[in-house]
Amino acid sequence: MSDPVDVKTHAALEVEAGHSYDLDEKAKVADYKTDAIEAENAELNMGVLEAVRAYPMASFWAFVMSFTIIMEAYDVFLMGSFVALPAFQLKFGILDPKTGDHVIATKWQSSLQVSGQLGALIGVFIAGPLTSRIGYRYATLTGLMLLNVFIFAFYFADSLPVIFVAQLLEGIPWGIFIANAPAYCSEIVPLRLRAPATQMLQMFWAIGAIVVGAVAYVYSSKEGEQAYKIPIALQWMFPTPLAILIWFAPESPWWLVRKGRLEEAAHSIGRLGRRSRINPNEGVAMMRRVVELEATTKEPSHWELFKGTDRYRTFIVCGVYLAQNLTGNLIANQAVYFFEQAGVGTNLAFALGLITSALQMIFVMLSWILTTYFGRRSIYLWGSGFNVVLLIALGVAASVGKGNAANLAQASLGLIISVLFTLGPAPASWVIIGETSAIRLRPLTTGTGRAAYYIVEIPCIFLGSYMLNPLGGNLGGKCGYVWGATGFICLVTAYFYLPEMKNRSYREIDILFKRKVPARKWKQTVVDVQDDE
């Protein structure tokens, strides 16, 4: 494969070397830049509906790639449901002398929920170099085939240690999906569709929870192994059909341009949009212009993520990912168990968990409008602020006493927190993650950011499970105080360091980072369409 530097024109290289070149070469450079400017202006002037009409297949393939997230969501919420599932508790739990019921031991409750994340942590570090070398399509296909195999280990597991290992193995493909999906979605769609395309990831996370909620609700009253074996087997619904679809998906044109495969990139753009409405060659010229801004003779490496302006970009991606675990997201992931510990009956707890997931999907759709028209920074900050207030309110509700009224208040606030999180901070995070990184380092940056997510999530899961477990901290809704405090720290940090990237092309984003424009001044800063630095 050729190095990204291969995409440079001969004339451009001559300019860098200080050599002279003739008028024909000058004309070629001028035409190339003119095409790039035309394509960028076309995207900036395009409305949302016009973008959908111009790039219908881009929207479809972003939808397909986003669907891979449903598998991680399904399994994460499945393990969260299993710890509250009577048949699973009876098979693998220990007797609680206080209540006479079987419960999953605290150490295993935490370990099972962390096992998939440990595997995903391995997966995201594999994803970056793998995708940089073979592309988004083949990396995702590799993950889907591996997942088909690893589901067998989970299905036939007959002890908690084996379940732990099976979940760890399943987590490896999840890491590939979660690292690739936001990057791929942000690269195949035009500027106006970057927000809804990447926010679909959060929608599919909610759909995964809905599927799990429905399955768990149906089987919560069942006895015997079928209560948890059938939900495990249902995971096979996803990988093979998705693999067939992704086999026919176009590769990201940005990735192809980085590799110097310009004709293939033009063909990919043609497949993503309507040729009667777009000019693939102009699109390639725009991508070449951005890639050349970042061009280097070195292969992308993790070390580059922590040098120069890329360090700041990596910090933003990691920070946004970290905040998802430090602002009450774990309450959403353990919704059923939280409702049970808040004093709600098992059947009602599963029903509330299902309602929460359904509302999350609806609110993610509403967030498409908010983030597209009001910006990423604004929605993220306001949503995080409301989230902190509600978490503190949850702690207060749990502190005022026991009884039905207090239990209902905690359950209601837990539901509201889980739902509103998907209206503001959560979906805005995916847009920010997809837009922030440099093009040539994008697979590595999204993988590293997600790795930071898992590194923080793992101890947070242990802490969250301990706080909720009756044999542990038994805090119930008082955990809102803890998540409210960490959420406030994340909010203050985002206020000072998170820039507004709404309506910014990737060229403008590159330039603003290189100019070290303060985050709060991005919205007012003008970048001329002729600027290349």
Protein backbone atom coordinates (compact mmCIF):
# COMPACT_ATOMS: atom_id res chain seq x y z
CA MET A 1 0.00 0.00 0.00
CA SER A 2 1.25 3.45 -0.82
CA ASP A 3 1.97 6.04 1.83
CA PRO A 4 -0.31 9.10 2.26
CA VAL A 5 2.43 11.29 0.82
CA ASP A 6 1.77 9.64 -2.57
CA VAL A 7 -1.39 11.68 -3.03
CA LYS A 8 0.62 14.88 -3.48
CA THR A 9 0.92 16.33 -6.94
CA HIS A 10 4.32 16.66 -8.52
CA ALA A 11 3.90 20.43 -8.55
CA ALA A 12 3.12 20.56 -4.84
CA LEU A 13 6.26 18.58 -4.03
CA GLU A 14 8.31 20.90 -6.21
CA VAL A 15 6.99 23.89 -4.29
CA GLU A 16 7.97 22.31 -0.96
CA ALA A 17 11.47 21.57 -2.28
CA GLY A 18 11.88 25.16 -3.47
CA HIS A 19 12.16 24.11 -7.14
CA SER A 20 10.66 25.92 -10.11
CA TYR A 21 7.95 24.40 -12.26
CA ASP A 22 6.26 25.42 -15.48
CA LEU A 23 2.96 27.15 -16.14
CA ASP A 24 1.16 23.88 -16.95
CA GLU A 25 2.00 22.55 -13.48
CA LYS A 26 0.83 25.81 -11.93
CA ALA A 27 -2.45 25.45 -13.78
CA LYS A 28 -2.89 21.89 -12.51
CA VAL A 29 -2.35 23.02 -8.91
CA ALA A 30 -4.82 25.88 -9.39
CA ASP A 31 -7.45 23.55 -10.91
CA TYR A 32 -6.98 21.04 -8.11
CA LYS A 33 -7.46 23.67 -5.40
CA THR A 34 -10.40 25.19 -7.29
CA ASP A 35 -12.15 21.79 -7.34
CA ALA A 36 -11.45 21.36 -3.62
CA ILE A 37 -12.95 24.77 -2.83
CA GLU A 38 -16.00 24.04 -5.00
CA ALA A 39 -16.66 20.77 -3.17
CA GLU A 40 -16.22 22.34 0.27
CA ASN A 41 -18.51 25.26 -0.57
CA ALA A 42 -21.12 22.85 -1.93
CA GLU A 43 -21.17 20.99 1.40
CA LEU A 44 -21.27 24.18 3.47
CA ASN A 45 -24.20 25.55 1.43
CA MET A 46 -26.13 22.29 1.47
CA GLY A 47 -29.14 21.95 3.78
CA VAL A 48 -29.85 18.80 5.79
CA LEU A 49 -32.65 17.51 3.53
CA GLU A 50 -30.67 18.43 0.43
CA ALA A 51 -27.72 16.46 1.83
CA VAL A 52 -29.94 13.41 2.35
CA ARG A 53 -31.22 13.65 -1.22
CA ALA A 54 -27.70 14.11 -2.60
CA TYR A 55 -26.15 11.30 -0.52
CA PRO A 56 -28.91 8.71 0.09
CA MET A 57 -26.59 5.71 0.10
CA ALA A 58 -24.16 7.41 2.49
CA SER A 59 -27.02 7.63 4.98
CA PHE A 60 -27.87 3.96 4.39
CA TRP A 61 -24.30 2.69 4.86
CA ALA A 62 -23.86 4.82 8.00
CA PHE A 63 -27.04 3.15 9.27
CA VAL A 64 -25.60 -0.31 8.52
CA MET A 65 -22.24 0.40 10.19
CA SER A 66 -23.98 1.90 13.24
CA PHE A 67 -25.95 -1.32 13.59
CA THR A 68 -22.76 -3.08 14.75
CA ILE A 69 -23.06 -1.18 18.05
CA ILE A 70 -26.29 -3.01 18.83
CA MET A 71 -24.25 -6.14 19.62
CA GLU A 72 -22.17 -4.53 22.34
CA ALA A 73 -25.25 -2.80 23.76
CA TYR A 74 -27.18 -6.06 23.72
CA ASP A 75 -24.55 -7.94 25.66
CA VAL A 76 -23.74 -5.14 28.12
CA PHE A 77 -27.39 -4.76 29.05
CA LEU A 78 -27.84 -8.55 28.98
CA MET A 79 -25.27 -9.00 31.75
CA GLY A 80 -26.88 -6.13 33.65
CA SER A 81 -30.22 -7.96 33.39
CA PHE A 82 -28.79 -11.37 34.29
CA VAL A 83 -27.68 -10.20 37.75
CA ALA A 84 -31.35 -9.40 38.42
CA LEU A 85 -32.75 -12.51 36.66
CA PRO A 86 -34.12 -15.07 39.19
CA ALA A 87 -33.15 -18.15 37.14
CA PHE A 88 -29.59 -16.87 36.65
CA GLN A 89 -29.35 -15.94 40.35
CA LEU A 90 -30.54 -19.41 41.36
CA LYS A 91 -28.01 -21.14 39.07
CA PHE A 92 -24.95 -19.02 39.79
CA GLY A 93 -25.78 -17.03 42.93
CA ILE A 94 -25.26 -17.42 46.68
CA LEU A 95 -27.88 -17.33 49.41
CA ASP A 96 -28.43 -13.97 51.11
CA PRO A 97 -29.09 -14.87 54.79
CA LYS A 98 -30.99 -11.63 55.37
CA THR A 99 -33.60 -12.12 52.64
CA GLY A 100 -33.40 -15.84 51.94
CA ASP A 101 -32.95 -15.10 48.20
CA HIS A 102 -30.10 -16.02 45.92
CA VAL A 103 -27.94 -13.13 44.69
CA ILE A 104 -24.84 -12.94 42.51
CA ALA A 105 -21.82 -12.29 44.73
CA THR A 106 -20.59 -8.71 44.51
CA LYS A 107 -17.18 -9.68 43.11
CA TRP A 108 -18.77 -11.75 40.32
CA GLN A 109 -21.48 -9.19 39.65
CA SER A 110 -18.77 -6.64 38.93
CA SER A 111 -16.46 -9.10 37.17
CA LEU A 112 -19.12 -10.26 34.72
CA GLN A 113 -20.02 -6.72 33.77
CA VAL A 114 -16.37 -5.79 33.37
CA SER A 115 -15.27 -8.84 31.37
CA GLY A 116 -16.64 -7.65 28.06
CA GLN A 117 -15.04 -4.25 28.61
CA LEU A 118 -11.66 -5.89 29.21
CA GLY A 119 -11.99 -7.66 25.87
CA ALA A 120 -13.13 -4.46 24.18
CA LEU A 121 -10.09 -2.68 25.60
CA ILE A 122 -7.95 -5.20 23.74
CA GLY A 123 -10.13 -4.80 20.65
CA VAL A 124 -9.82 -1.02 20.39
CA PHE A 125 -6.03 -1.22 20.45
CA ILE A 126 -6.20 -3.83 17.67
CA ALA A 127 -8.72 -1.75 15.68
CA GLY A 128 -6.53 1.31 15.06
CA PRO A 129 -3.53 -0.35 13.37
CA LEU A 130 -5.77 -2.97 11.70
CA THR A 131 -8.10 -0.37 10.17
CA SER A 132 -5.24 1.91 9.15
CA ARG A 133 -3.77 -1.03 7.22
CA ILE A 134 -6.76 -2.89 5.70
CA GLY A 135 -9.61 -0.37 5.88
CA TYR A 136 -12.91 -0.07 7.75
CA ARG A 137 -14.76 -2.75 5.76
CA TYR A 138 -12.32 -5.61 6.20
CA ALA A 139 -11.59 -4.75 9.84
CA THR A 140 -15.32 -4.80 10.64
CA LEU A 141 -15.84 -8.05 8.73
CA THR A 142 -13.01 -9.63 10.75
CA GLY A 143 -14.74 -8.60 13.98
CA LEU A 144 -18.13 -9.99 12.87
CA MET A 145 -16.68 -13.40 12.01
CA LEU A 146 -14.83 -13.59 15.33
CA LEU A 147 -18.01 -12.68 17.22
CA ASN A 148 -19.90 -15.58 15.62
CA VAL A 149 -17.30 -17.95 17.06
CA PHE A 150 -17.07 -16.40 20.52
CA ILE A 151 -20.86 -16.53 21.09
CA PHE A 152 -20.50 -20.34 21.21
CA ALA A 153 -18.24 -20.06 24.25
CA PHE A 154 -20.82 -17.89 26.07
CA TYR A 155 -23.74 -20.15 25.17
CA PHE A 156 -22.11 -23.34 26.45
CA ALA A 157 -20.52 -21.76 29.54
CA ASP A 158 -21.60 -23.52 32.74
CA SER A 159 -19.76 -21.58 35.43
CA LEU A 160 -19.08 -17.95 36.26
CA PRO A 161 -15.33 -18.17 35.42
CA VAL A 162 -16.12 -19.58 31.95
CA ILE A 163 -18.77 -16.91 31.40
CA PHE A 164 -16.13 -14.31 32.34
CA VAL A 165 -13.69 -15.64 29.71
CA ALA A 166 -16.43 -15.93 27.07
CA GLN A 167 -17.46 -12.33 27.65
CA LEU A 168 -13.84 -11.20 27.44
CA LEU A 169 -13.50 -12.90 24.05
CA GLU A 170 -16.75 -11.36 22.79
CA GLY A 171 -15.46 -7.97 23.85
CA ILE A 172 -12.58 -8.05 21.33
CA PRO A 173 -14.88 -7.65 18.29
CA TRP A 174 -16.92 -5.03 20.17
CA GLY A 175 -13.75 -2.96 20.49
CA ILE A 176 -13.26 -3.09 16.71
CA PHE A 177 -16.87 -2.03 16.07
CA ILE A 178 -16.92 0.82 18.57
CA ALA A 179 -13.62 2.22 17.33
CA ASN A 180 -14.53 2.01 13.64
CA ALA A 181 -18.20 2.97 13.55
CA PRO A 182 -17.99 6.67 14.55
CA ALA A 183 -14.97 7.23 12.29
CA TYR A 184 -16.52 5.52 9.27
CA CYS A 185 -19.89 7.25 9.69
CA SER A 186 -18.29 10.70 9.96
CA GLU A 187 -16.15 10.07 6.85
CA ILE A 188 -18.75 8.83 4.38
CA VAL A 189 -21.42 11.52 4.85
CA PRO A 190 -21.34 15.23 3.91
CA LEU A 191 -20.85 17.92 6.56
CA ARG A 192 -24.58 18.48 7.27
CA LEU A 193 -25.16 14.80 8.02
CA ARG A 194 -22.21 14.22 10.35
CA ALA A 195 -24.33 14.81 13.47
CA PRO A 196 -27.27 12.47 12.70
CA ALA A 197 -24.99 9.84 11.13
CA THR A 198 -22.75 9.53 14.19
CA GLN A 199 -25.63 9.94 16.65
CA MET A 200 -27.23 6.83 15.19
CA LEU A 201 -24.66 4.97 17.25
CA GLN A 202 -26.41 6.09 20.43
CA MET A 203 -29.77 5.16 18.92
CA PHE A 204 -28.58 1.63 18.20
CA TRP A 205 -27.18 1.43 21.72
CA ALA A 206 -30.73 2.18 22.91
CA ILE A 207 -32.19 -0.35 20.46
CA GLY A 208 -29.84 -3.00 21.83
CA ALA A 209 -31.13 -2.19 25.30
CA ILE A 210 -34.74 -2.40 24.06
CA VAL A 211 -34.17 -5.83 22.55
CA VAL A 212 -32.52 -7.03 25.75
CA GLY A 213 -35.24 -5.43 27.87
CA ALA A 214 -37.98 -7.16 25.89
CA VAL A 215 -36.19 -10.52 25.95
CA ALA A 216 -35.37 -10.25 29.66
CA TYR A 217 -38.94 -9.19 30.47
CA VAL A 218 -40.36 -12.20 28.62
CA TYR A 219 -37.94 -14.64 30.28
CA SER A 220 -37.75 -13.04 33.75
CA SER A 221 -40.51 -15.31 35.02
CA LYS A 222 -39.19 -18.47 33.32
CA GLU A 223 -37.46 -21.20 35.26
CA GLY A 224 -34.42 -23.23 34.29
CA GLU A 225 -31.62 -22.61 31.83
CA GLN A 226 -33.87 -21.38 29.01
CA ALA A 227 -34.39 -18.13 30.93
CA TYR A 228 -30.80 -17.09 30.13
CA LYS A 229 -29.69 -19.51 27.39
CA ILE A 230 -32.20 -18.26 24.82
CA PRO A 231 -31.26 -14.57 25.31
CA ILE A 232 -27.61 -15.57 24.79
CA ALA A 233 -28.43 -17.52 21.61
CA LEU A 234 -30.32 -14.53 20.17
CA GLN A 235 -26.96 -12.79 19.72
CA TRP A 236 -26.49 -14.89 16.57
CA MET A 237 -29.23 -12.82 14.93
CA PHE A 238 -26.78 -10.01 14.15
CA PRO A 239 -23.26 -10.90 12.90
CA THR A 240 -23.91 -12.88 9.69
CA PRO A 241 -26.58 -10.60 8.11
CA LEU A 242 -24.43 -7.57 8.96
CA ALA A 243 -21.34 -9.19 7.45
CA ILE A 244 -23.21 -9.78 4.18
CA LEU A 245 -24.29 -6.13 4.04
CA ILE A 246 -20.88 -4.72 4.94
CA TRP A 247 -19.23 -6.88 2.27
CA PHE A 248 -21.10 -4.75 -0.29
CA ALA A 249 -20.47 -1.42 1.51
CA PRO A 250 -18.11 1.13 -0.06
CA GLU A 251 -14.82 1.81 1.68
CA SER A 252 -14.40 5.25 3.23
CA PRO A 253 -13.20 7.60 0.45
CA TRP A 254 -11.10 9.45 3.02
CA TRP A 255 -9.24 6.22 3.84
CA LEU A 256 -8.72 5.55 0.12
CA VAL A 257 -7.36 9.06 -0.44
CA ARG A 258 -4.98 8.61 2.49
CA LYS A 259 -3.68 5.50 0.70
CA GLY A 260 -3.31 7.34 -2.61
CA ARG A 261 -6.07 5.29 -4.30
CA LEU A 262 -7.76 8.28 -5.88
CA GLU A 263 -9.77 6.52 -8.60
CA GLU A 264 -11.22 4.11 -6.06
CA ALA A 265 -12.05 7.07 -3.82
CA ALA A 266 -13.94 8.78 -6.66
CA HIS A 267 -15.84 5.54 -7.32
CA SER A 268 -16.69 5.27 -3.60
CA ILE A 269 -18.03 8.84 -3.55
CA GLY A 270 -20.10 8.02 -6.61
CA ARG A 271 -21.63 5.06 -4.77
CA LEU A 272 -22.39 7.16 -1.69
CA GLY A 273 -24.18 9.98 -3.56
CA ARG A 274 -26.25 10.67 -6.65
CA ARG A 275 -23.93 11.41 -9.57
CA SER A 276 -26.50 13.83 -10.96
CA ARG A 277 -26.11 15.99 -7.81
CA ILE A 278 -22.42 15.58 -6.92
CA ASN A 279 -19.03 15.66 -8.62
CA PRO A 280 -16.88 12.78 -7.30
CA ASN A 281 -13.67 14.29 -8.66
CA GLU A 282 -14.26 17.53 -6.79
CA GLY A 283 -14.95 15.50 -3.67
CA VAL A 284 -11.62 13.71 -4.06
CA ALA A 285 -9.88 17.08 -4.56
CA MET A 286 -11.36 18.36 -1.28
CA MET A 287 -10.16 15.25 0.55
CA ARG A 288 -6.70 15.48 -1.03
CA ARG A 289 -6.43 19.07 0.18
CA VAL A 290 -7.08 18.04 3.78
CA VAL A 291 -4.88 14.95 3.60
CA GLU A 292 -2.02 17.03 2.21
CA LEU A 293 -2.34 19.43 5.15
CA GLU A 294 -1.59 16.46 7.41
CA ALA A 295 0.76 14.60 5.02
CA THR A 296 3.93 13.03 6.37
CA THR A 297 6.29 10.26 5.29
CA LYS A 298 5.68 8.40 8.58
CA GLU A 299 3.13 5.67 9.10
CA PRO A 300 0.43 6.66 11.63
CA SER A 301 1.41 5.63 15.17
CA HIS A 302 -0.08 5.88 18.66
CA TRP A 303 2.89 8.02 19.69
CA GLU A 304 1.74 10.80 17.34
CA LEU A 305 -1.53 11.11 19.24
CA PHE A 306 0.35 12.70 22.13
CA LYS A 307 2.50 15.16 20.19
CA GLY A 308 1.80 18.76 19.14
CA THR A 309 -1.79 19.79 18.43
CA ASP A 310 -2.84 16.14 18.11
CA ARG A 311 -2.33 15.81 21.87
CA TYR A 312 -5.15 18.33 22.46
CA ARG A 313 -7.39 16.51 19.97
CA THR A 314 -6.71 13.18 21.65
CA PHE A 315 -7.43 14.79 25.03
CA ILE A 316 -10.86 15.95 23.81
CA VAL A 317 -11.81 12.53 22.42
CA CYS A 318 -10.62 10.73 25.57
CA GLY A 319 -12.30 13.31 27.84
CA VAL A 320 -15.67 13.00 26.11
CA TYR A 321 -15.48 9.22 26.34
CA LEU A 322 -14.46 9.32 30.02
CA ALA A 323 -17.35 11.63 30.88
CA GLN A 324 -19.86 9.03 29.70
CA ASN A 325 -18.87 6.87 32.68
CA LEU A 326 -18.55 9.69 35.18
CA THR A 327 -21.92 11.36 34.66
CA GLY A 328 -24.41 8.65 35.58
CA ASN A 329 -24.26 6.50 32.44
CA LEU A 330 -23.77 3.41 34.62
CA ILE A 331 -27.22 3.99 36.13
CA ALA A 332 -28.62 3.57 32.60
CA ASN A 333 -26.54 0.45 31.96
CA GLN A 334 -27.74 -1.12 35.23
CA ALA A 335 -31.25 0.31 35.07
CA VAL A 336 -33.11 -2.89 35.97
CA TYR A 337 -30.86 -3.64 38.94
CA PHE A 338 -31.06 0.01 40.05
CA PHE A 339 -34.87 -0.08 39.99
CA GLU A 340 -34.85 -3.29 42.05
CA GLN A 341 -32.54 -1.76 44.66
CA ALA A 342 -34.77 1.33 44.74
CA GLY A 343 -37.51 -0.94 46.09
CA VAL A 344 -39.43 -1.70 42.88
CA GLY A 345 -40.65 -5.28 42.26
CA THR A 346 -38.82 -7.50 39.76
CA ASN A 347 -41.48 -7.46 37.02
CA LEU A 348 -41.96 -3.69 37.32
CA ALA A 349 -38.18 -3.19 37.35
CA PHE A 350 -37.85 -5.05 34.02
CA ALA A 351 -40.82 -3.10 32.60
CA LEU A 352 -39.26 0.22 33.68
CA GLY A 353 -35.95 -0.84 32.14
CA LEU A 354 -37.74 -1.51 28.84
CA ILE A 355 -39.58 1.83 29.00
CA THR A 356 -36.29 3.61 29.72
CA SER A 357 -34.66 2.09 26.65
CA ALA A 358 -37.62 2.94 24.40
CA LEU A 359 -37.60 6.57 25.58
CA GLN A 360 -33.84 6.72 25.04
CA MET A 361 -34.29 5.79 21.39
CA ILE A 362 -36.91 8.52 20.91
CA PHE A 363 -34.78 11.14 22.64
CA VAL A 364 -31.73 10.24 20.53
CA MET A 365 -33.82 11.04 17.43
CA LEU A 366 -34.75 14.40 18.96
CA SER A 367 -31.07 15.06 19.63
CA TRP A 368 -30.40 14.91 15.86
CA ILE A 369 -32.31 18.18 15.52
CA LEU A 370 -30.74 19.83 18.56
CA THR A 371 -27.15 18.96 17.68
CA THR A 372 -27.56 19.78 13.98
CA TYR A 373 -29.05 23.23 14.55
CA PHE A 374 -27.76 24.29 17.98
CA GLY A 375 -24.27 22.83 17.92
CA ARG A 376 -22.28 20.19 19.74
CA ARG A 377 -20.70 22.25 22.52
CA SER A 378 -23.97 23.96 23.53
CA ILE A 379 -26.00 20.76 23.75
CA TYR A 380 -23.20 18.94 25.53
CA LEU A 381 -22.73 21.61 28.19
CA TRP A 382 -26.42 22.27 28.86
CA GLY A 383 -27.22 18.56 28.90
CA SER A 384 -24.36 17.83 31.30
CA GLY A 385 -25.49 20.67 33.58
CA PHE A 386 -29.05 19.32 33.83
CA ASN A 387 -27.65 15.84 34.39
CA VAL A 388 -25.60 16.97 37.40
CA VAL A 389 -28.64 18.68 38.96
CA LEU A 390 -30.77 15.55 38.54
CA LEU A 391 -28.07 13.29 40.01
CA ILE A 392 -27.90 15.45 43.13
CA ALA A 393 -31.71 15.37 43.30
CA LEU A 394 -31.55 11.55 43.15
CA GLY A 395 -29.21 11.54 46.13
CA VAL A 396 -31.55 13.83 48.05
CA ALA A 397 -34.57 11.61 47.26
CA ALA A 398 -32.70 8.60 48.65
CA SER A 399 -31.72 10.50 51.79
CA VAL A 400 -35.12 11.70 52.93
CA GLY A 401 -36.31 8.33 54.15
CA LYS A 402 -37.84 5.01 53.16
CA GLY A 403 -41.28 4.19 51.87
CA ASN A 404 -43.19 3.97 48.62
CA ALA A 405 -42.99 7.69 47.91
CA ALA A 406 -39.20 7.80 48.31
CA ASN A 407 -38.78 4.61 46.25
CA LEU A 408 -40.96 5.96 43.45
CA ALA A 409 -39.06 9.26 43.49
CA GLN A 410 -35.74 7.41 43.13
CA ALA A 411 -37.06 5.18 40.36
CA SER A 412 -38.53 8.18 38.53
CA LEU A 413 -35.33 10.20 38.78
CA GLY A 414 -33.27 7.20 37.69
CA LEU A 415 -35.47 6.87 34.62
CA ILE A 416 -35.29 10.61 33.84
CA ILE A 417 -31.50 10.68 34.22
CA SER A 418 -31.11 7.67 31.92
CA VAL A 419 -33.39 9.23 29.29
CA LEU A 420 -32.12 12.82 29.35
CA PHE A 421 -28.55 11.56 29.12
CA THR A 422 -29.45 10.37 25.61
CA LEU A 423 -30.89 13.76 24.64
CA GLY A 424 -27.76 15.81 25.32
CA PRO A 425 -24.34 14.54 26.41
CA ALA A 426 -24.41 10.99 25.00
CA PRO A 427 -25.37 11.64 21.35
CA ALA A 428 -23.36 14.88 21.20
CA SER A 429 -20.33 12.86 22.34
CA TRP A 430 -20.44 10.67 19.23
CA VAL A 431 -20.44 13.70 16.92
CA ILE A 432 -17.51 15.26 18.79
CA ILE A 433 -15.57 11.98 18.68
CA GLY A 434 -16.12 11.63 14.94
CA GLU A 435 -15.13 15.22 14.12
CA THR A 436 -12.22 15.99 16.43
CA SER A 437 -9.39 13.71 15.33
CA ALA A 438 -7.03 14.37 12.41
CA ILE A 439 -8.00 12.42 9.29
CA ARG A 440 -4.81 10.35 9.05
CA LEU A 441 -4.92 9.48 12.77
CA ARG A 442 -8.68 8.94 13.05
CA PRO A 443 -8.74 5.14 13.48
CA LEU A 444 -6.01 5.38 16.13
CA THR A 445 -7.64 8.33 17.93
CA THR A 446 -11.12 6.80 18.15
CA GLY A 447 -9.58 3.53 19.35
CA THR A 448 -7.48 5.26 22.00
CA GLY A 449 -10.46 7.34 23.15
CA ARG A 450 -12.58 4.25 23.57
CA ALA A 451 -9.71 2.56 25.41
CA ALA A 452 -9.77 5.46 27.89
CA TYR A 453 -13.52 4.86 28.22
CA TYR A 454 -12.99 1.22 29.20
CA ILE A 455 -10.04 1.99 31.51
CA VAL A 456 -12.31 4.30 33.53
CA GLU A 457 -15.46 2.19 33.13
CA ILE A 458 -13.90 -0.92 34.65
CA PRO A 459 -13.27 0.57 38.13
CA CYS A 460 -16.53 2.52 37.86
CA ILE A 461 -18.45 -0.72 37.31
CA PHE A 462 -16.92 -2.19 40.45
CA LEU A 463 -17.73 1.01 42.33
CA GLY A 464 -21.26 1.23 40.90
CA SER A 465 -22.04 -2.40 41.66
CA TYR A 466 -20.65 -2.04 45.18
CA MET A 467 -22.74 1.07 45.82
CA LEU A 468 -25.96 -0.63 44.67
CA ASN A 469 -25.43 -4.17 46.00
CA PRO A 470 -27.24 -4.90 49.29
CA LEU A 471 -24.22 -6.94 50.40
CA GLY A 472 -21.92 -4.02 49.54
CA GLY A 473 -22.47 -0.29 50.08
CA ASN A 474 -26.28 -0.56 49.75
CA LEU A 475 -26.49 3.14 48.84
CA GLY A 476 -29.30 2.88 46.30
CA GLY A 477 -30.15 6.35 45.00
CA LYS A 478 -27.48 7.97 47.19
CA CYS A 479 -25.01 7.02 44.46
CA GLY A 480 -26.36 10.17 42.77
CA TYR A 481 -24.11 12.23 45.05
CA VAL A 482 -21.02 10.41 43.76
CA TRP A 483 -21.92 10.64 40.07
CA GLY A 484 -23.10 14.22 40.51
CA ALA A 485 -19.68 15.24 41.86
CA THR A 486 -17.73 13.53 39.06
CA GLY A 487 -20.20 14.89 36.50
CA PHE A 488 -19.61 18.44 37.73
CA ILE A 489 -15.83 18.05 37.24
CA CYS A 490 -16.45 16.84 33.66
CA LEU A 491 -18.78 19.79 33.00
CA VAL A 492 -16.23 22.38 34.12
CA THR A 493 -13.48 20.72 32.08
CA ALA A 494 -15.66 20.66 28.95
CA TYR A 495 -16.53 24.35 29.37
CA PHE A 496 -12.88 25.35 29.07
CA TYR A 497 -11.59 22.80 26.54
CA LEU A 498 -14.43 21.65 24.24
CA PRO A 499 -14.68 23.68 20.98
CA GLU A 500 -17.77 24.11 18.79
CA MET A 501 -17.28 22.22 15.51
CA LYS A 502 -20.75 22.75 14.05
CA ASN A 503 -20.64 23.72 10.34
CA ARG A 504 -16.86 23.29 10.20
CA SER A 505 -15.20 21.36 7.38
CA TYR A 506 -12.35 19.03 8.27
CA ARG A 507 -9.96 21.56 6.70
CA GLU A 508 -11.25 24.31 9.00
CA ILE A 509 -11.04 22.03 12.04
CA ASP A 510 -7.41 21.17 11.19
CA ILE A 511 -6.52 24.85 10.79
CA LEU A 512 -8.24 25.98 14.00
CA PHE A 513 -6.40 23.35 16.01
CA LYS A 514 -3.07 24.29 14.41
CA ARG A 515 -3.70 27.98 15.16
CA LYS A 516 -4.42 27.02 18.79
CA VAL A 517 -7.66 29.01 18.88
CA PRO A 518 -9.18 28.81 22.42
CA ALA A 519 -12.20 26.49 22.61
CA ARG A 520 -14.64 29.27 23.57
CA LYS A 521 -13.63 31.38 20.54
CA TRP A 522 -14.09 28.80 17.80
CA LYS A 523 -17.63 29.88 17.00
CA GLN A 524 -16.56 33.48 16.28
CA THR A 525 -13.36 32.65 14.37
CA VAL A 526 -13.48 32.92 10.57
CA VAL A 527 -11.30 30.66 8.39
CA ASP A 528 -10.94 31.83 4.79
CA VAL A 529 -11.80 29.27 2.14
CA GLN A 530 -8.38 29.88 0.54
CA ASP A 531 -6.42 29.13 3.74
CA ASP A 532 -4.32 25.99 3.89
CA GLU A 533 -2.61 26.62 7.24
